[in-house]
């Protein structure tokens, strides 16, 4: 299951790989330093626009995977469906009339 802490950890890892300080990334992304810190620690409630701005600066993409595709990947590659993928897939299914 993907948690906010998992996402924050991936943001921190990408930032560190690019040798960016948290302050530098926050400034480039136009995100408050405390918001970035909370995200990286898994304690913040980050808006999607904020996450997108950070990902843009880090060269990361957010990928939404339909449940059917994720289930196929899990069967084929032994990957577990993350909590975030599961919630997104459920919302996509409801949008198709699968309420």
PDB file of N, CA and C in Angstrom:
ATOM      1  N   UNK A   1       0.842  -1.172   0.000  1.00  0.00           N
ATOM      2  CA  UNK A   1       0.000   0.000   0.000  1.00  0.00           C
ATOM      3  C   UNK A   1       0.896   1.246   0.000  1.00  0.00           C
ATOM      4  N   UNK A   2       0.619   2.156  -0.908  1.00  0.00           N
ATOM      5  CA  UNK A   2       1.361   3.414  -0.943  1.00  0.00           C
ATOM      6  C   UNK A   2       0.738   4.375   0.054  1.00  0.00           C
ATOM      7  N   UNK A   3       1.573   4.964   0.865  1.00  0.00           N
ATOM      8  CA  UNK A   3       1.119   5.928   1.852  1.00  0.00           C
ATOM      9  C   UNK A   3       1.726   7.288   1.528  1.00  0.00           C
ATOM     10  N   UNK A   4       1.282   8.291   2.236  1.00  0.00           N
ATOM     11  CA  UNK A   4       1.865   9.612   2.072  1.00  0.00           C
ATOM     12  C   UNK A   4       3.352   9.573   2.413  1.00  0.00           C
ATOM     13  N   UNK A   5       3.714   8.758   3.385  1.00  0.00           N
ATOM     14  CA  UNK A   5       5.121   8.609   3.745  1.00  0.00           C
ATOM     15  C   UNK A   5       5.926   8.023   2.585  1.00  0.00           C
ATOM     16  N   UNK A   6       5.359   7.038   1.882  1.00  0.00           N
ATOM     17  CA  UNK A   6       6.029   6.450   0.715  1.00  0.00           C
ATOM     18  C   UNK A   6       6.250   7.498  -0.373  1.00  0.00           C
ATOM     19  N   UNK A   7       5.231   8.308  -0.625  1.00  0.00           N
ATOM     20  CA  UNK A   7       5.343   9.351  -1.644  1.00  0.00           C
ATOM     21  C   UNK A   7       6.387  10.371  -1.227  1.00  0.00           C
ATOM     22  N   UNK A   8       6.335  10.777   0.028  1.00  0.00           N
ATOM     23  CA  UNK A   8       7.305  11.744   0.535  1.00  0.00           C
ATOM     24  C   UNK A   8       8.722  11.226   0.463  1.00  0.00           C
ATOM     25  N   UNK A   9       8.882   9.957   0.747  1.00  0.00           N
ATOM     26  CA  UNK A   9      10.203   9.340   0.679  1.00  0.00           C
ATOM     27  C   UNK A   9      10.735   9.351  -0.749  1.00  0.00           C
ATOM     28  N   UNK A  10       9.866   9.101  -1.714  1.00  0.00           N
ATOM     29  CA  UNK A  10      10.289   9.119  -3.115  1.00  0.00           C
ATOM     30  C   UNK A  10      10.641  10.537  -3.562  1.00  0.00           C
ATOM     31  N   UNK A  11       9.899  11.517  -3.073  1.00  0.00           N
ATOM     32  CA  UNK A  11      10.218  12.913  -3.379  1.00  0.00           C
ATOM     33  C   UNK A  11      11.590  13.253  -2.793  1.00  0.00           C
ATOM     34  N   UNK A  12      11.821  12.880  -1.535  1.00  0.00           N
ATOM     35  CA  UNK A  12      13.098  13.166  -0.881  1.00  0.00           C
ATOM     36  C   UNK A  12      14.252  12.487  -1.611  1.00  0.00           C
ATOM     37  N   UNK A  13      14.067  11.221  -1.992  1.00  0.00           N
ATOM     38  CA  UNK A  13      15.114  10.482  -2.700  1.00  0.00           C
ATOM     39  C   UNK A  13      15.457  11.160  -4.029  1.00  0.00           C
ATOM     40  N   UNK A  14      14.427  11.553  -4.780  1.00  0.00           N
ATOM     41  CA  UNK A  14      14.667  12.227  -6.066  1.00  0.00           C
ATOM     42  C   UNK A  14      15.370  13.566  -5.846  1.00  0.00           C
ATOM     43  N   UNK A  15      14.968  14.292  -4.812  1.00  0.00           N
ATOM     44  CA  UNK A  15      15.602  15.575  -4.505  1.00  0.00           C
ATOM     45  C   UNK A  15      17.076  15.387  -4.162  1.00  0.00           C
ATOM     46  N   UNK A  16      17.350  14.399  -3.335  1.00  0.00           N
ATOM     47  CA  UNK A  16      18.732  14.150  -2.925  1.00  0.00           C
ATOM     48  C   UNK A  16      19.587  13.657  -4.085  1.00  0.00           C
ATOM     49  N   UNK A  17      19.028  12.846  -4.965  1.00  0.00           N
ATOM     50  CA  UNK A  17      19.770  12.378  -6.153  1.00  0.00           C
ATOM     51  C   UNK A  17      20.194  13.542  -7.033  1.00  0.00           C
ATOM     52  N   UNK A  18      19.355  14.561  -7.045  1.00  0.00           N
ATOM     53  CA  UNK A  18      19.664  15.743  -7.854  1.00  0.00           C
ATOM     54  C   UNK A  18      20.466  16.771  -7.071  1.00  0.00           C
ATOM     55  N   UNK A  19      20.855  16.389  -5.878  1.00  0.00           N
ATOM     56  CA  UNK A  19      21.668  17.235  -5.006  1.00  0.00           C
ATOM     57  C   UNK A  19      21.036  18.607  -4.776  1.00  0.00           C
ATOM     58  N   UNK A  20      19.717  18.584  -4.563  1.00  0.00           N
ATOM     59  CA  UNK A  20      18.978  19.800  -4.244  1.00  0.00           C
ATOM     60  C   UNK A  20      18.689  19.835  -2.756  1.00  0.00           C
ATOM     61  N   UNK A  21      18.863  20.976  -2.146  1.00  0.00           N
ATOM     62  CA  UNK A  21      18.426  21.118  -0.756  1.00  0.00           C
ATOM     63  C   UNK A  21      16.906  21.243  -0.761  1.00  0.00           C
ATOM     64  N   UNK A  22      16.301  20.978   0.375  1.00  0.00           N
ATOM     65  CA  UNK A  22      14.853  21.122   0.474  1.00  0.00           C
ATOM     66  C   UNK A  22      14.444  22.564   0.220  1.00  0.00           C
ATOM     67  N   UNK A  23      15.223  23.493   0.707  1.00  0.00           N
ATOM     68  CA  UNK A  23      14.919  24.918   0.491  1.00  0.00           C
ATOM     69  C   UNK A  23      14.980  25.273  -0.989  1.00  0.00           C
ATOM     70  N   UNK A  24      15.969  24.747  -1.698  1.00  0.00           N
ATOM     71  CA  UNK A  24      16.104  25.032  -3.126  1.00  0.00           C
ATOM     72  C   UNK A  24      14.925  24.460  -3.914  1.00  0.00           C
ATOM     73  N   UNK A  25      14.544  23.222  -3.614  1.00  0.00           N
ATOM     74  CA  UNK A  25      13.405  22.622  -4.309  1.00  0.00           C
ATOM     75  C   UNK A  25      12.126  23.387  -3.992  1.00  0.00           C
ATOM     76  N   UNK A  26      11.940  23.742  -2.746  1.00  0.00           N
ATOM     77  CA  UNK A  26      10.742  24.491  -2.364  1.00  0.00           C
ATOM     78  C   UNK A  26      10.677  25.808  -3.126  1.00  0.00           C
ATOM     79  N   UNK A  27      11.794  26.501  -3.200  1.00  0.00           N
ATOM     80  CA  UNK A  27      11.818  27.783  -3.902  1.00  0.00           C
ATOM     81  C   UNK A  27      11.533  27.603  -5.386  1.00  0.00           C
ATOM     82  N   UNK A  28      12.185  26.644  -6.032  1.00  0.00           N
ATOM     83  CA  UNK A  28      11.968  26.400  -7.459  1.00  0.00           C
ATOM     84  C   UNK A  28      10.527  25.998  -7.754  1.00  0.00           C
ATOM     85  N   UNK A  29       9.914  25.266  -6.826  1.00  0.00           N
ATOM     86  CA  UNK A  29       8.550  24.767  -7.020  1.00  0.00           C
ATOM     87  C   UNK A  29       7.498  25.765  -6.570  1.00  0.00           C
ATOM     88  N   UNK A  30       7.965  26.834  -5.916  1.00  0.00           N
ATOM     89  CA  UNK A  30       7.051  27.820  -5.332  1.00  0.00           C
ATOM     90  C   UNK A  30       6.131  27.182  -4.306  1.00  0.00           C
ATOM     91  N   UNK A  31       6.743  26.310  -3.504  1.00  0.00           N
ATOM     92  CA  UNK A  31       6.057  25.600  -2.424  1.00  0.00           C
ATOM     93  C   UNK A  31       6.730  26.039  -1.132  1.00  0.00           C
ATOM     94  N   UNK A  32       5.931  26.236  -0.099  1.00  0.00           N
ATOM     95  CA  UNK A  32       6.528  26.630   1.183  1.00  0.00           C
ATOM     96  C   UNK A  32       7.420  25.505   1.694  1.00  0.00           C
ATOM     97  N   UNK A  33       8.550  25.862   2.254  1.00  0.00           N
ATOM     98  CA  UNK A  33       9.525  24.887   2.776  1.00  0.00           C
ATOM     99  C   UNK A  33       8.880  23.951   3.794  1.00  0.00           C
ATOM    100  N   UNK A  34       7.997  24.472   4.642  1.00  0.00           N
ATOM    101  CA  UNK A  34       7.330  23.623   5.644  1.00  0.00           C
ATOM    102  C   UNK A  34       6.406  22.596   4.998  1.00  0.00           C
ATOM    103  N   UNK A  35       5.794  22.969   3.882  1.00  0.00           N
ATOM    104  CA  UNK A  35       4.924  22.036   3.160  1.00  0.00           C
ATOM    105  C   UNK A  35       5.746  20.882   2.602  1.00  0.00           C
ATOM    106  N   UNK A  36       6.888  21.203   2.000  1.00  0.00           N
ATOM    107  CA  UNK A  36       7.773  20.164   1.470  1.00  0.00           C
ATOM    108  C   UNK A  36       8.271  19.269   2.598  1.00  0.00           C
ATOM    109  N   UNK A  37       8.664  19.862   3.688  1.00  0.00           N
ATOM    110  CA  UNK A  37       9.152  19.093   4.833  1.00  0.00           C
ATOM    111  C   UNK A  37       8.084  18.130   5.349  1.00  0.00           C
ATOM    112  N   UNK A  38       6.862  18.627   5.473  1.00  0.00           N
ATOM    113  CA  UNK A  38       5.763  17.773   5.941  1.00  0.00           C
ATOM    114  C   UNK A  38       5.511  16.627   4.971  1.00  0.00           C
ATOM    115  N   UNK A  39       5.567  16.915   3.669  1.00  0.00           N
ATOM    116  CA  UNK A  39       5.377  15.856   2.667  1.00  0.00           C
ATOM    117  C   UNK A  39       6.465  14.800   2.798  1.00  0.00           C
ATOM    118  N   UNK A  40       7.699  15.236   2.864  1.00  0.00           N
ATOM    119  CA  UNK A  40       8.809  14.285   2.946  1.00  0.00           C
ATOM    120  C   UNK A  40       8.744  13.444   4.216  1.00  0.00           C
ATOM    121  N   UNK A  41       8.155  13.980   5.261  1.00  0.00           N
ATOM    122  CA  UNK A  41       8.026  13.247   6.522  1.00  0.00           C
ATOM    123  C   UNK A  41       6.746  12.420   6.573  1.00  0.00           C
ATOM    124  N   UNK A  42       5.883  12.587   5.575  1.00  0.00           N
ATOM    125  CA  UNK A  42       4.636  11.830   5.531  1.00  0.00           C
ATOM    126  C   UNK A  42       3.589  12.334   6.493  1.00  0.00           C
ATOM    127  N   UNK A  43       3.721  13.589   6.917  1.00  0.00           N
ATOM    128  CA  UNK A  43       2.781  14.122   7.910  1.00  0.00           C
ATOM    129  C   UNK A  43       1.859  15.186   7.350  1.00  0.00           C
ATOM    130  N   UNK A  44       2.109  15.671   6.155  1.00  0.00           N
ATOM    131  CA  UNK A  44       1.314  16.759   5.596  1.00  0.00           C
ATOM    132  C   UNK A  44       0.138  16.243   4.786  1.00  0.00           C
ATOM    133  N   UNK A  45      -0.780  17.141   4.523  1.00  0.00           N
ATOM    134  CA  UNK A  45      -1.897  16.852   3.635  1.00  0.00           C
ATOM    135  C   UNK A  45      -1.682  17.709   2.397  1.00  0.00           C
ATOM    136  N   UNK A  46      -1.000  17.165   1.436  1.00  0.00           N
ATOM    137  CA  UNK A  46      -0.516  17.929   0.295  1.00  0.00           C
ATOM    138  C   UNK A  46      -1.573  17.983  -0.798  1.00  0.00           C
ATOM    139  N   UNK A  47      -1.774  19.186  -1.332  1.00  0.00           N
ATOM    140  CA  UNK A  47      -2.692  19.343  -2.455  1.00  0.00           C
ATOM    141  C   UNK A  47      -2.048  18.793  -3.719  1.00  0.00           C
ATOM    142  N   UNK A  48      -2.877  18.374  -4.646  1.00  0.00           N
ATOM    143  CA  UNK A  48      -2.382  17.810  -5.895  1.00  0.00           C
ATOM    144  C   UNK A  48      -1.532  18.828  -6.658  1.00  0.00           C
ATOM    145  N   UNK A  49      -1.930  20.091  -6.667  1.00  0.00           N
ATOM    146  CA  UNK A  49      -1.147  21.121  -7.367  1.00  0.00           C
ATOM    147  C   UNK A  49       0.261  21.223  -6.793  1.00  0.00           C
ATOM    148  N   UNK A  50       0.386  21.089  -5.494  1.00  0.00           N
ATOM    149  CA  UNK A  50       1.689  21.139  -4.840  1.00  0.00           C
ATOM    150  C   UNK A  50       2.533  19.947  -5.258  1.00  0.00           C
ATOM    151  N   UNK A  51       1.934  18.768  -5.243  1.00  0.00           N
ATOM    152  CA  UNK A  51       2.649  17.559  -5.639  1.00  0.00           C
ATOM    153  C   UNK A  51       3.084  17.643  -7.096  1.00  0.00           C
ATOM    154  N   UNK A  52       2.219  18.156  -7.948  1.00  0.00           N
ATOM    155  CA  UNK A  52       2.561  18.307  -9.361  1.00  0.00           C
ATOM    156  C   UNK A  52       3.711  19.288  -9.554  1.00  0.00           C
ATOM    157  N   UNK A  53       3.711  20.384  -8.798  1.00  0.00           N
ATOM    158  CA  UNK A  53       4.794  21.371  -8.910  1.00  0.00           C
ATOM    159  C   UNK A  53       6.129  20.760  -8.498  1.00  0.00           C
ATOM    160  N   UNK A  54       6.124  19.988  -7.434  1.00  0.00           N
ATOM    161  CA  UNK A  54       7.354  19.333  -6.977  1.00  0.00           C
ATOM    162  C   UNK A  54       7.833  18.313  -8.003  1.00  0.00           C
ATOM    163  N   UNK A  55       6.906  17.522  -8.521  1.00  0.00           N
ATOM    164  CA  UNK A  55       7.263  16.509  -9.513  1.00  0.00           C
ATOM    165  C   UNK A  55       7.802  17.151 -10.784  1.00  0.00           C
ATOM    166  N   UNK A  56       7.232  18.275 -11.170  1.00  0.00           N
ATOM    167  CA  UNK A  56       7.712  18.989 -12.357  1.00  0.00           C
ATOM    168  C   UNK A  56       9.175  19.376 -12.183  1.00  0.00           C
ATOM    169  N   UNK A  57       9.526  19.921 -11.048  1.00  0.00           N
ATOM    170  CA  UNK A  57      10.905  20.344 -10.791  1.00  0.00           C
ATOM    171  C   UNK A  57      11.859  19.162 -10.709  1.00  0.00           C
ATOM    172  N   UNK A  58      11.365  18.022 -10.244  1.00  0.00           N
ATOM    173  CA  UNK A  58      12.213  16.838 -10.080  1.00  0.00           C
ATOM    174  C   UNK A  58      12.232  15.937 -11.313  1.00  0.00           C
ATOM    175  N   UNK A  59      11.413  16.277 -12.315  1.00  0.00           N
ATOM    176  CA  UNK A  59      11.362  15.443 -13.519  1.00  0.00           C
ATOM    177  C   UNK A  59      10.650  14.127 -13.278  1.00  0.00           C
ATOM    178  N   UNK A  60       9.665  14.137 -12.382  1.00  0.00           N
ATOM    179  CA  UNK A  60       8.900  12.935 -12.061  1.00  0.00           C
ATOM    180  C   UNK A  60       7.500  13.033 -12.656  1.00  0.00           C
ATOM    181  N   UNK A  61       6.902  11.888 -12.942  1.00  0.00           N
ATOM    182  CA  UNK A  61       5.525  11.825 -13.404  1.00  0.00           C
ATOM    183  C   UNK A  61       4.688  11.113 -12.355  1.00  0.00           C
ATOM    184  N   UNK A  62       3.434  11.504 -12.283  1.00  0.00           N
ATOM    185  CA  UNK A  62       2.458  10.789 -11.466  1.00  0.00           C
ATOM    186  C   UNK A  62       1.681   9.916 -12.435  1.00  0.00           C
ATOM    187  N   UNK A  63       1.665   8.632 -12.189  1.00  0.00           N
ATOM    188  CA  UNK A  63       1.022   7.695 -13.102  1.00  0.00           C
ATOM    189  C   UNK A  63      -0.221   7.114 -12.432  1.00  0.00           C
ATOM    190  N   UNK A  64      -1.346   7.226 -13.126  1.00  0.00           N
ATOM    191  CA  UNK A  64      -2.598   6.653 -12.653  1.00  0.00           C
ATOM    192  C   UNK A  64      -2.833   5.358 -13.417  1.00  0.00           C
ATOM    193  N   UNK A  65      -3.033   4.288 -12.686  1.00  0.00           N
ATOM    194  CA  UNK A  65      -3.156   2.980 -13.305  1.00  0.00           C
ATOM    195  C   UNK A  65      -4.540   2.396 -13.040  1.00  0.00           C
ATOM    196  N   UNK A  66      -5.313   2.118 -14.094  1.00  0.00           N
ATOM    197  CA  UNK A  66      -6.617   1.491 -13.887  1.00  0.00           C
ATOM    198  C   UNK A  66      -6.471   0.143 -13.172  1.00  0.00           C
ATOM    199  N   UNK A  67      -7.458  -0.214 -12.423  1.00  0.00           N
ATOM    200  CA  UNK A  67      -7.431  -1.445 -11.639  1.00  0.00           C
ATOM    201  C   UNK A  67      -7.118  -2.666 -12.494  1.00  0.00           C
ATOM    202  N   UNK A  68      -7.746  -2.746 -13.659  1.00  0.00           N
ATOM    203  CA  UNK A  68      -7.536  -3.913 -14.513  1.00  0.00           C
ATOM    204  C   UNK A  68      -6.069  -4.031 -14.918  1.00  0.00           C
ATOM    205  N   UNK A  69      -5.462  -2.905 -15.268  1.00  0.00           N
ATOM    206  CA  UNK A  69      -4.061  -2.900 -15.674  1.00  0.00           C
ATOM    207  C   UNK A  69      -3.158  -3.247 -14.505  1.00  0.00           C
ATOM    208  N   UNK A  70      -3.452  -2.653 -13.358  1.00  0.00           N
ATOM    209  CA  UNK A  70      -2.638  -2.909 -12.170  1.00  0.00           C
ATOM    210  C   UNK A  70      -2.753  -4.371 -11.750  1.00  0.00           C
ATOM    211  N   UNK A  71      -3.948  -4.933 -11.851  1.00  0.00           N
ATOM    212  CA  UNK A  71      -4.139  -6.337 -11.496  1.00  0.00           C
ATOM    213  C   UNK A  71      -3.361  -7.244 -12.444  1.00  0.00           C
ATOM    214  N   UNK A  72      -3.346  -6.891 -13.748  1.00  0.00           N
ATOM    215  CA  UNK A  72      -2.586  -7.668 -14.722  1.00  0.00           C
ATOM    216  C   UNK A  72      -1.096  -7.595 -14.411  1.00  0.00           C
ATOM    217  N   UNK A  73      -0.622  -6.390 -14.054  1.00  0.00           N
ATOM    218  CA  UNK A  73       0.794  -6.222 -13.719  1.00  0.00           C
ATOM    219  C   UNK A  73       1.132  -7.009 -12.461  1.00  0.00           C
ATOM    220  N   UNK A  74       0.216  -7.004 -11.511  1.00  0.00           N
ATOM    221  CA  UNK A  74       0.458  -7.757 -10.269  1.00  0.00           C
ATOM    222  C   UNK A  74       0.586  -9.246 -10.571  1.00  0.00           C
ATOM    223  N   UNK A  75      -0.296  -9.753 -11.417  1.00  0.00           N
ATOM    224  CA  UNK A  75      -0.248 -11.174 -11.757  1.00  0.00           C
ATOM    225  C   UNK A  75       1.009 -11.497 -12.562  1.00  0.00           C
ATOM    226  N   UNK A  76       1.350 -10.595 -13.483  1.00  0.00           N
ATOM    227  CA  UNK A  76       2.493 -10.848 -14.351  1.00  0.00           C
ATOM    228  C   UNK A  76       3.828 -10.651 -13.662  1.00  0.00           C
ATOM    229  N   UNK A  77       3.901  -9.658 -12.808  1.00  0.00           N
ATOM    230  CA  UNK A  77       5.188  -9.289 -12.223  1.00  0.00           C
ATOM    231  C   UNK A  77       5.266  -9.500 -10.716  1.00  0.00           C
ATOM    232  N   UNK A  78       4.186  -9.971 -10.120  1.00  0.00           N
ATOM    233  CA  UNK A  78       4.196 -10.209  -8.687  1.00  0.00           C
ATOM    234  C   UNK A  78       4.151  -8.927  -7.865  1.00  0.00           C
ATOM    235  N   UNK A  79       3.764  -7.819  -8.504  1.00  0.00           N
ATOM    236  CA  UNK A  79       3.680  -6.550  -7.775  1.00  0.00           C
ATOM    237  C   UNK A  79       2.346  -6.480  -7.046  1.00  0.00           C
ATOM    238  N   UNK A  80       2.364  -5.880  -5.874  1.00  0.00           N
ATOM    239  CA  UNK A  80       1.129  -5.676  -5.144  1.00  0.00           C
ATOM    240  C   UNK A  80       0.537  -4.334  -5.525  1.00  0.00           C
ATOM    241  N   UNK A  81      -0.766  -4.286  -5.598  1.00  0.00           N
ATOM    242  CA  UNK A  81      -1.465  -3.044  -5.869  1.00  0.00           C
ATOM    243  C   UNK A  81      -1.336  -2.152  -4.646  1.00  0.00           C
ATOM    244  N   UNK A  82      -0.874  -0.942  -4.838  1.00  0.00           N
ATOM    245  CA  UNK A  82      -0.700  -0.033  -3.713  1.00  0.00           C
ATOM    246  C   UNK A  82      -2.041   0.536  -3.286  1.00  0.00           C
ATOM    247  N   UNK A  83      -2.094   1.034  -2.088  1.00  0.00           N
ATOM    248  CA  UNK A  83      -3.319   1.637  -1.579  1.00  0.00           C
ATOM    249  C   UNK A  83      -3.775   2.798  -2.436  1.00  0.00           C
ATOM    250  N   UNK A  84      -2.829   3.637  -2.852  1.00  0.00           N
ATOM    251  CA  UNK A  84      -3.167   4.775  -3.692  1.00  0.00           C
ATOM    252  C   UNK A  84      -3.697   4.293  -5.034  1.00  0.00           C
ATOM    253  N   UNK A  85      -3.046   3.305  -5.635  1.00  0.00           N
ATOM    254  CA  UNK A  85      -3.518   2.771  -6.917  1.00  0.00           C
ATOM    255  C   UNK A  85      -4.917   2.184  -6.765  1.00  0.00           C
ATOM    256  N   UNK A  86      -5.147   1.501  -5.656  1.00  0.00           N
ATOM    257  CA  UNK A  86      -6.451   0.903  -5.409  1.00  0.00           C
ATOM    258  C   UNK A  86      -7.526   1.981  -5.307  1.00  0.00           C
ATOM    259  N   UNK A  87      -7.266   3.041  -4.546  1.00  0.00           N
ATOM    260  CA  UNK A  87      -8.253   4.127  -4.403  1.00  0.00           C
ATOM    261  C   UNK A  87      -8.503   4.820  -5.735  1.00  0.00           C
ATOM    262  N   UNK A  88      -7.455   5.058  -6.497  1.00  0.00           N
ATOM    263  CA  UNK A  88      -7.620   5.704  -7.803  1.00  0.00           C
ATOM    264  C   UNK A  88      -8.419   4.796  -8.734  1.00  0.00           C
ATOM    265  N   UNK A  89      -8.089   3.531  -8.743  1.00  0.00           N
ATOM    266  CA  UNK A  89      -8.797   2.585  -9.602  1.00  0.00           C
ATOM    267  C   UNK A  89     -10.274   2.506  -9.237  1.00  0.00           C
ATOM    268  N   UNK A  90     -10.572   2.514  -7.931  1.00  0.00           N
ATOM    269  CA  UNK A  90     -11.967   2.468  -7.491  1.00  0.00           C
ATOM    270  C   UNK A  90     -12.726   3.693  -7.965  1.00  0.00           C
ATOM    271  N   UNK A  91     -12.076   4.852  -7.878  1.00  0.00           N
ATOM    272  CA  UNK A  91     -12.743   6.079  -8.340  1.00  0.00           C
ATOM    273  C   UNK A  91     -12.935   6.049  -9.840  1.00  0.00           C
ATOM    274  N   UNK A  92     -11.958   5.532 -10.575  1.00  0.00           N
ATOM    275  CA  UNK A  92     -12.114   5.425 -12.024  1.00  0.00           C
ATOM    276  C   UNK A  92     -13.252   4.475 -12.367  1.00  0.00           C
ATOM    277  N   UNK A  93     -13.354   3.378 -11.652  1.00  0.00           N
ATOM    278  CA  UNK A  93     -14.419   2.409 -11.901  1.00  0.00           C
ATOM    279  C   UNK A  93     -15.786   3.025 -11.613  1.00  0.00           C
ATOM    280  N   UNK A  94     -15.882   3.805 -10.537  1.00  0.00           N
ATOM    281  CA  UNK A  94     -17.158   4.472 -10.223  1.00  0.00           C
ATOM    282  C   UNK A  94     -17.519   5.461 -11.310  1.00  0.00           C
ATOM    283  N   UNK A  95     -16.513   6.103 -11.890  1.00  0.00           N
ATOM    284  CA  UNK A  95     -16.752   7.060 -12.964  1.00  0.00           C
ATOM    285  C   UNK A  95     -17.291   6.402 -14.219  1.00  0.00           C
ATOM    286  N   UNK A  96     -17.027   5.098 -14.376  1.00  0.00           N
ATOM    287  CA  UNK A  96     -17.510   4.344 -15.543  1.00  0.00           C
ATOM    288  C   UNK A  96     -18.886   3.753 -15.275  1.00  0.00           C
ATOM    289  N   UNK A  97     -19.476   4.097 -14.132  1.00  0.00           N
ATOM    290  CA  UNK A  97     -20.789   3.538 -13.798  1.00  0.00           C
ATOM    291  C   UNK A  97     -20.686   2.304 -12.932  1.00  0.00           C
ATOM    292  N   UNK A  98     -19.500   1.995 -12.445  1.00  0.00           N
ATOM    293  CA  UNK A  98     -19.306   0.814 -11.609  1.00  0.00           C
ATOM    294  C   UNK A  98     -19.469   1.115 -10.141  1.00  0.00           C
ATOM    295  N   UNK A  99     -20.477   1.919  -9.779  1.00  0.00           N
ATOM    296  CA  UNK A  99     -20.667   2.311  -8.393  1.00  0.00           C
ATOM    297  C   UNK A  99     -21.136   1.137  -7.633  1.00  0.00           C
TER     298      UNK A  99
END
